[in-house]
Every structure is written in structure tokens, then in C-alpha cells.
């Protein structure tokens, strides 16, 4: 008999989603109550980009 324990789904709260071009790299900030997050999706040029958040702890999985 095996028991499987799934990671707990967590919600991410995003912030700083809009910037004005200044030649510098920007990335939105994100927070979760349960654990730290790893954020990717830094961008420099004007345009629309996708940012992603991943739980830093494997016991959690990002839900949104």
C-alpha cells in the first residue's frame, strides 16, 4: 500500500505589473502567504511579457 501526499496549492498575489520604459530591466513582484516564490520573466524593452511564479518549497504548487 502506498500513500501519496500532494503539494498544497497556493495563490500568488502579483504587484508592480506596469512600468514605463527607462532602459532598465524590470520584473513584477509576487507574494504567497505559505512560502517563498521564485519569479522569472524579467524584461527591459517595451511590450507585454509573461512572468511566472514557482513555489520555492516542493511541498507547495502555485494555483493561479
PDB file of N, CA and C in Angstrom:
ATOM      1  N   UNK A   1       0.853  -1.174   0.000  1.00  0.00           N
ATOM      2  CA  UNK A   1       0.000   0.000   0.000  1.00  0.00           C
ATOM      3  C   UNK A   1       0.903   1.243   0.000  1.00  0.00           C
ATOM      4  N   UNK A   2       0.582   2.178  -0.873  1.00  0.00           N
ATOM      5  CA  UNK A   2       1.314   3.435  -0.967  1.00  0.00           C
ATOM      6  C   UNK A   2       0.376   4.582  -0.604  1.00  0.00           C
ATOM      7  N   UNK A   3       0.931   5.564   0.034  1.00  0.00           N
ATOM      8  CA  UNK A   3       0.194   6.781   0.357  1.00  0.00           C
ATOM      9  C   UNK A   3       0.841   7.922  -0.406  1.00  0.00           C
ATOM     10  N   UNK A   4       0.048   8.693  -1.094  1.00  0.00           N
ATOM     11  CA  UNK A   4       0.567   9.833  -1.844  1.00  0.00           C
ATOM     12  C   UNK A   4       0.124  11.126  -1.178  1.00  0.00           C
ATOM     13  N   UNK A   5       1.075  12.008  -0.934  1.00  0.00           N
ATOM     14  CA  UNK A   5       0.775  13.326  -0.369  1.00  0.00           C
ATOM     15  C   UNK A   5       1.067  14.350  -1.455  1.00  0.00           C
ATOM     16  N   UNK A   6       0.027  15.019  -1.906  1.00  0.00           N
ATOM     17  CA  UNK A   6       0.173  16.016  -2.969  1.00  0.00           C
ATOM     18  C   UNK A   6       0.602  17.364  -2.400  1.00  0.00           C
ATOM     19  N   UNK A   7       1.300  18.166  -3.198  1.00  0.00           N
ATOM     20  CA  UNK A   7       1.660  19.509  -2.752  1.00  0.00           C
ATOM     21  C   UNK A   7       0.402  20.350  -2.515  1.00  0.00           C
ATOM     22  N   UNK A   8       0.496  21.261  -1.575  1.00  0.00           N
ATOM     23  CA  UNK A   8      -0.632  22.150  -1.269  1.00  0.00           C
ATOM     24  C   UNK A   8      -0.680  23.280  -2.304  1.00  0.00           C
ATOM     25  N   UNK A   9      -1.843  23.499  -2.950  1.00  0.00           N
ATOM     26  CA  UNK A   9      -1.982  24.620  -3.883  1.00  0.00           C
ATOM     27  C   UNK A   9      -1.969  25.948  -3.121  1.00  0.00           C
ATOM     28  N   UNK A  10      -1.253  26.919  -3.678  1.00  0.00           N
ATOM     29  CA  UNK A  10      -1.203  28.255  -3.070  1.00  0.00           C
ATOM     30  C   UNK A  10      -1.551  29.305  -4.114  1.00  0.00           C
ATOM     31  N   UNK A  11      -2.065  30.428  -3.658  1.00  0.00           N
ATOM     32  CA  UNK A  11      -2.377  31.555  -4.533  1.00  0.00           C
ATOM     33  C   UNK A  11      -1.275  32.597  -4.441  1.00  0.00           C
ATOM     34  N   UNK A  12      -0.965  33.171  -5.594  1.00  0.00           N
ATOM     35  CA  UNK A  12       0.070  34.198  -5.684  1.00  0.00           C
ATOM     36  C   UNK A  12      -0.601  35.549  -5.847  1.00  0.00           C
ATOM     37  N   UNK A  13      -0.095  36.542  -5.145  1.00  0.00           N
ATOM     38  CA  UNK A  13      -0.566  37.921  -5.273  1.00  0.00           C
ATOM     39  C   UNK A  13       0.519  38.694  -6.017  1.00  0.00           C
ATOM     40  N   UNK A  14       0.191  39.174  -7.215  1.00  0.00           N
ATOM     41  CA  UNK A  14       1.137  39.907  -8.065  1.00  0.00           C
ATOM     42  C   UNK A  14       1.048  41.408  -7.799  1.00  0.00           C
ATOM     43  N   UNK A  15       2.179  42.089  -7.969  1.00  0.00           N
ATOM     44  CA  UNK A  15       2.245  43.536  -7.785  1.00  0.00           C
ATOM     45  C   UNK A  15       3.277  44.096  -8.759  1.00  0.00           C
ATOM     46  N   UNK A  16       3.243  45.393  -8.979  1.00  0.00           N
ATOM     47  CA  UNK A  16       4.183  46.084  -9.875  1.00  0.00           C
ATOM     48  C   UNK A  16       4.151  45.481 -11.274  1.00  0.00           C
ATOM     49  N   UNK A  17       2.974  45.490 -11.883  1.00  0.00           N
ATOM     50  CA  UNK A  17       2.807  44.867 -13.196  1.00  0.00           C
ATOM     51  C   UNK A  17       2.993  45.834 -14.363  1.00  0.00           C
ATOM     52  N   UNK A  18       3.054  47.128 -14.101  1.00  0.00           N
ATOM     53  CA  UNK A  18       3.199  48.123 -15.163  1.00  0.00           C
ATOM     54  C   UNK A  18       4.395  49.016 -14.909  1.00  0.00           C
ATOM     55  N   UNK A  19       5.177  49.226 -15.952  1.00  0.00           N
ATOM     56  CA  UNK A  19       6.367  50.080 -15.886  1.00  0.00           C
ATOM     57  C   UNK A  19       6.383  50.988 -17.101  1.00  0.00           C
ATOM     58  N   UNK A  20       7.126  52.078 -17.003  1.00  0.00           N
ATOM     59  CA  UNK A  20       7.378  52.958 -18.137  1.00  0.00           C
ATOM     60  C   UNK A  20       8.814  52.705 -18.565  1.00  0.00           C
ATOM     61  N   UNK A  21       9.036  52.592 -19.870  1.00  0.00           N
ATOM     62  CA  UNK A  21      10.357  52.276 -20.392  1.00  0.00           C
ATOM     63  C   UNK A  21      11.397  53.254 -19.856  1.00  0.00           C
ATOM     64  N   UNK A  22      12.479  52.709 -19.307  1.00  0.00           N
ATOM     65  CA  UNK A  22      13.597  53.524 -18.828  1.00  0.00           C
ATOM     66  C   UNK A  22      14.952  52.881 -19.133  1.00  0.00           C
ATOM     67  N   UNK A  23      14.931  51.808 -19.943  1.00  0.00           N
ATOM     68  CA  UNK A  23      16.161  51.134 -20.315  1.00  0.00           C
ATOM     69  C   UNK A  23      16.668  50.151 -19.276  1.00  0.00           C
ATOM     70  N   UNK A  24      15.976  50.027 -18.170  1.00  0.00           N
ATOM     71  CA  UNK A  24      16.378  49.111 -17.100  1.00  0.00           C
ATOM     72  C   UNK A  24      15.494  47.866 -17.110  1.00  0.00           C
ATOM     73  N   UNK A  25      16.030  46.770 -16.614  1.00  0.00           N
ATOM     74  CA  UNK A  25      15.254  45.528 -16.515  1.00  0.00           C
ATOM     75  C   UNK A  25      14.248  45.631 -15.367  1.00  0.00           C
ATOM     76  N   UNK A  26      13.057  45.122 -15.608  1.00  0.00           N
ATOM     77  CA  UNK A  26      12.002  45.125 -14.594  1.00  0.00           C
ATOM     78  C   UNK A  26      11.370  43.739 -14.509  1.00  0.00           C
ATOM     79  N   UNK A  27      10.918  43.406 -13.338  1.00  0.00           N
ATOM     80  CA  UNK A  27      10.189  42.160 -13.114  1.00  0.00           C
ATOM     81  C   UNK A  27       9.127  42.436 -12.046  1.00  0.00           C
ATOM     82  N   UNK A  28       7.912  41.940 -12.227  1.00  0.00           N
ATOM     83  CA  UNK A  28       6.898  42.174 -11.205  1.00  0.00           C
ATOM     84  C   UNK A  28       7.254  41.456  -9.907  1.00  0.00           C
ATOM     85  N   UNK A  29       6.652  41.896  -8.845  1.00  0.00           N
ATOM     86  CA  UNK A  29       6.854  41.206  -7.566  1.00  0.00           C
ATOM     87  C   UNK A  29       5.634  40.329  -7.300  1.00  0.00           C
ATOM     88  N   UNK A  30       5.853  39.283  -6.539  1.00  0.00           N
ATOM     89  CA  UNK A  30       4.773  38.353  -6.219  1.00  0.00           C
ATOM     90  C   UNK A  30       4.987  37.825  -4.804  1.00  0.00           C
ATOM     91  N   UNK A  31       3.899  37.561  -4.130  1.00  0.00           N
ATOM     92  CA  UNK A  31       3.960  37.051  -2.763  1.00  0.00           C
ATOM     93  C   UNK A  31       2.943  35.935  -2.567  1.00  0.00           C
ATOM     94  N   UNK A  32       3.291  35.046  -1.663  1.00  0.00           N
ATOM     95  CA  UNK A  32       2.371  33.996  -1.226  1.00  0.00           C
ATOM     96  C   UNK A  32       2.534  33.877   0.281  1.00  0.00           C
ATOM     97  N   UNK A  33       1.462  33.618   0.976  1.00  0.00           N
ATOM     98  CA  UNK A  33       1.498  33.533   2.431  1.00  0.00           C
ATOM     99  C   UNK A  33       2.286  32.310   2.891  1.00  0.00           C
ATOM    100  N   UNK A  34       2.128  31.202   2.203  1.00  0.00           N
ATOM    101  CA  UNK A  34       2.638  29.919   2.678  1.00  0.00           C
ATOM    102  C   UNK A  34       4.136  29.712   2.512  1.00  0.00           C
ATOM    103  N   UNK A  35       4.747  30.274   1.441  1.00  0.00           N
ATOM    104  CA  UNK A  35       6.172  30.014   1.205  1.00  0.00           C
ATOM    105  C   UNK A  35       6.760  31.070   0.291  1.00  0.00           C
ATOM    106  N   UNK A  36       8.075  31.042   0.151  1.00  0.00           N
ATOM    107  CA  UNK A  36       8.780  31.939  -0.758  1.00  0.00           C
ATOM    108  C   UNK A  36       8.519  31.513  -2.197  1.00  0.00           C
ATOM    109  N   UNK A  37       8.694  32.462  -3.121  1.00  0.00           N
ATOM    110  CA  UNK A  37       8.459  32.195  -4.537  1.00  0.00           C
ATOM    111  C   UNK A  37       9.714  32.481  -5.350  1.00  0.00           C
ATOM    112  N   UNK A  38       9.827  31.790  -6.466  1.00  0.00           N
ATOM    113  CA  UNK A  38      10.872  32.066  -7.444  1.00  0.00           C
ATOM    114  C   UNK A  38      10.165  32.710  -8.635  1.00  0.00           C
ATOM    115  N   UNK A  39      10.544  33.951  -8.960  1.00  0.00           N
ATOM    116  CA  UNK A  39       9.890  34.716 -10.008  1.00  0.00           C
ATOM    117  C   UNK A  39      10.806  34.791 -11.222  1.00  0.00           C
ATOM    118  N   UNK A  40      10.252  34.579 -12.405  1.00  0.00           N
ATOM    119  CA  UNK A  40      11.011  34.754 -13.642  1.00  0.00           C
ATOM    120  C   UNK A  40      10.183  35.567 -14.622  1.00  0.00           C
ATOM    121  N   UNK A  41      10.854  36.163 -15.605  1.00  0.00           N
ATOM    122  CA  UNK A  41      10.150  36.947 -16.610  1.00  0.00           C
ATOM    123  C   UNK A  41      10.624  38.380 -16.682  1.00  0.00           C
ATOM    124  N   UNK A  42      11.870  38.625 -16.304  1.00  0.00           N
ATOM    125  CA  UNK A  42      12.433  39.978 -16.355  1.00  0.00           C
ATOM    126  C   UNK A  42      12.462  40.478 -17.796  1.00  0.00           C
ATOM    127  N   UNK A  43      12.153  41.760 -18.004  1.00  0.00           N
ATOM    128  CA  UNK A  43      12.151  42.355 -19.339  1.00  0.00           C
ATOM    129  C   UNK A  43      12.669  43.788 -19.283  1.00  0.00           C
ATOM    130  N   UNK A  44      13.257  44.236 -20.401  1.00  0.00           N
ATOM    131  CA  UNK A  44      13.820  45.584 -20.491  1.00  0.00           C
ATOM    132  C   UNK A  44      13.067  46.452 -21.499  1.00  0.00           C
ATOM    133  N   UNK A  45      12.792  45.908 -22.676  1.00  0.00           N
ATOM    134  CA  UNK A  45      12.162  46.682 -23.745  1.00  0.00           C
ATOM    135  C   UNK A  45      10.661  46.822 -23.524  1.00  0.00           C
ATOM    136  N   UNK A  46      10.069  47.819 -24.173  1.00  0.00           N
ATOM    137  CA  UNK A  46       8.625  47.996 -24.055  1.00  0.00           C
ATOM    138  C   UNK A  46       7.919  46.805 -24.705  1.00  0.00           C
ATOM    139  N   UNK A  47       6.740  46.493 -24.219  1.00  0.00           N
ATOM    140  CA  UNK A  47       5.975  45.366 -24.735  1.00  0.00           C
ATOM    141  C   UNK A  47       5.279  44.633 -23.614  1.00  0.00           C
ATOM    142  N   UNK A  48       4.657  43.531 -23.946  1.00  0.00           N
ATOM    143  CA  UNK A  48       3.952  42.702 -22.983  1.00  0.00           C
ATOM    144  C   UNK A  48       4.724  41.406 -22.807  1.00  0.00           C
ATOM    145  N   UNK A  49       4.968  41.029 -21.577  1.00  0.00           N
ATOM    146  CA  UNK A  49       5.774  39.856 -21.265  1.00  0.00           C
ATOM    147  C   UNK A  49       5.041  38.971 -20.269  1.00  0.00           C
ATOM    148  N   UNK A  50       5.429  37.720 -20.208  1.00  0.00           N
ATOM    149  CA  UNK A  50       4.853  36.776 -19.265  1.00  0.00           C
ATOM    150  C   UNK A  50       5.820  36.580 -18.105  1.00  0.00           C
ATOM    151  N   UNK A  51       5.310  36.741 -16.912  1.00  0.00           N
ATOM    152  CA  UNK A  51       6.086  36.453 -15.703  1.00  0.00           C
ATOM    153  C   UNK A  51       5.499  35.194 -15.074  1.00  0.00           C
ATOM    154  N   UNK A  52       6.350  34.400 -14.464  1.00  0.00           N
ATOM    155  CA  UNK A  52       5.878  33.187 -13.812  1.00  0.00           C
ATOM    156  C   UNK A  52       6.380  33.126 -12.376  1.00  0.00           C
ATOM    157  N   UNK A  53       5.615  32.456 -11.540  1.00  0.00           N
ATOM    158  CA  UNK A  53       5.997  32.246 -10.146  1.00  0.00           C
ATOM    159  C   UNK A  53       5.982  30.754  -9.865  1.00  0.00           C
ATOM    160  N   UNK A  54       6.980  30.310  -9.157  1.00  0.00           N
ATOM    161  CA  UNK A  54       7.084  28.904  -8.752  1.00  0.00           C
ATOM    162  C   UNK A  54       7.350  28.874  -7.251  1.00  0.00           C
ATOM    163  N   UNK A  55       6.731  27.959  -6.565  1.00  0.00           N
ATOM    164  CA  UNK A  55       6.966  27.808  -5.127  1.00  0.00           C
ATOM    165  C   UNK A  55       8.408  27.352  -4.899  1.00  0.00           C
ATOM    166  N   UNK A  56       9.093  27.984  -3.966  1.00  0.00           N
ATOM    167  CA  UNK A  56      10.474  27.633  -3.646  1.00  0.00           C
ATOM    168  C   UNK A  56      10.537  26.336  -2.833  1.00  0.00           C
ATOM    169  N   UNK A  57       9.435  25.924  -2.272  1.00  0.00           N
ATOM    170  CA  UNK A  57       9.330  24.719  -1.454  1.00  0.00           C
ATOM    171  C   UNK A  57       8.488  23.690  -2.207  1.00  0.00           C
ATOM    172  N   UNK A  58       9.004  22.497  -2.414  1.00  0.00           N
ATOM    173  CA  UNK A  58       8.303  21.487  -3.216  1.00  0.00           C
ATOM    174  C   UNK A  58       7.021  20.957  -2.556  1.00  0.00           C
ATOM    175  N   UNK A  59       6.753  21.362  -1.316  1.00  0.00           N
ATOM    176  CA  UNK A  59       5.508  20.961  -0.656  1.00  0.00           C
ATOM    177  C   UNK A  59       4.324  21.821  -1.107  1.00  0.00           C
ATOM    178  N   UNK A  60       4.596  22.831  -1.938  1.00  0.00           N
ATOM    179  CA  UNK A  60       3.563  23.742  -2.415  1.00  0.00           C
ATOM    180  C   UNK A  60       3.619  23.831  -3.929  1.00  0.00           C
ATOM    181  N   UNK A  61       2.473  24.155  -4.559  1.00  0.00           N
ATOM    182  CA  UNK A  61       2.400  24.352  -6.002  1.00  0.00           C
ATOM    183  C   UNK A  61       1.519  25.582  -6.249  1.00  0.00           C
ATOM    184  N   UNK A  62       1.960  26.436  -7.180  1.00  0.00           N
ATOM    185  CA  UNK A  62       1.211  27.659  -7.485  1.00  0.00           C
ATOM    186  C   UNK A  62      -0.093  27.291  -8.182  1.00  0.00           C
ATOM    187  N   UNK A  63      -1.162  27.851  -7.667  1.00  0.00           N
ATOM    188  CA  UNK A  63      -2.520  27.551  -8.123  1.00  0.00           C
ATOM    189  C   UNK A  63      -3.007  28.524  -9.193  1.00  0.00           C
ATOM    190  N   UNK A  64      -2.552  29.740  -9.185  1.00  0.00           N
ATOM    191  CA  UNK A  64      -3.066  30.753 -10.120  1.00  0.00           C
ATOM    192  C   UNK A  64      -1.969  31.351 -10.960  1.00  0.00           C
TER     193      UNK A  64
END
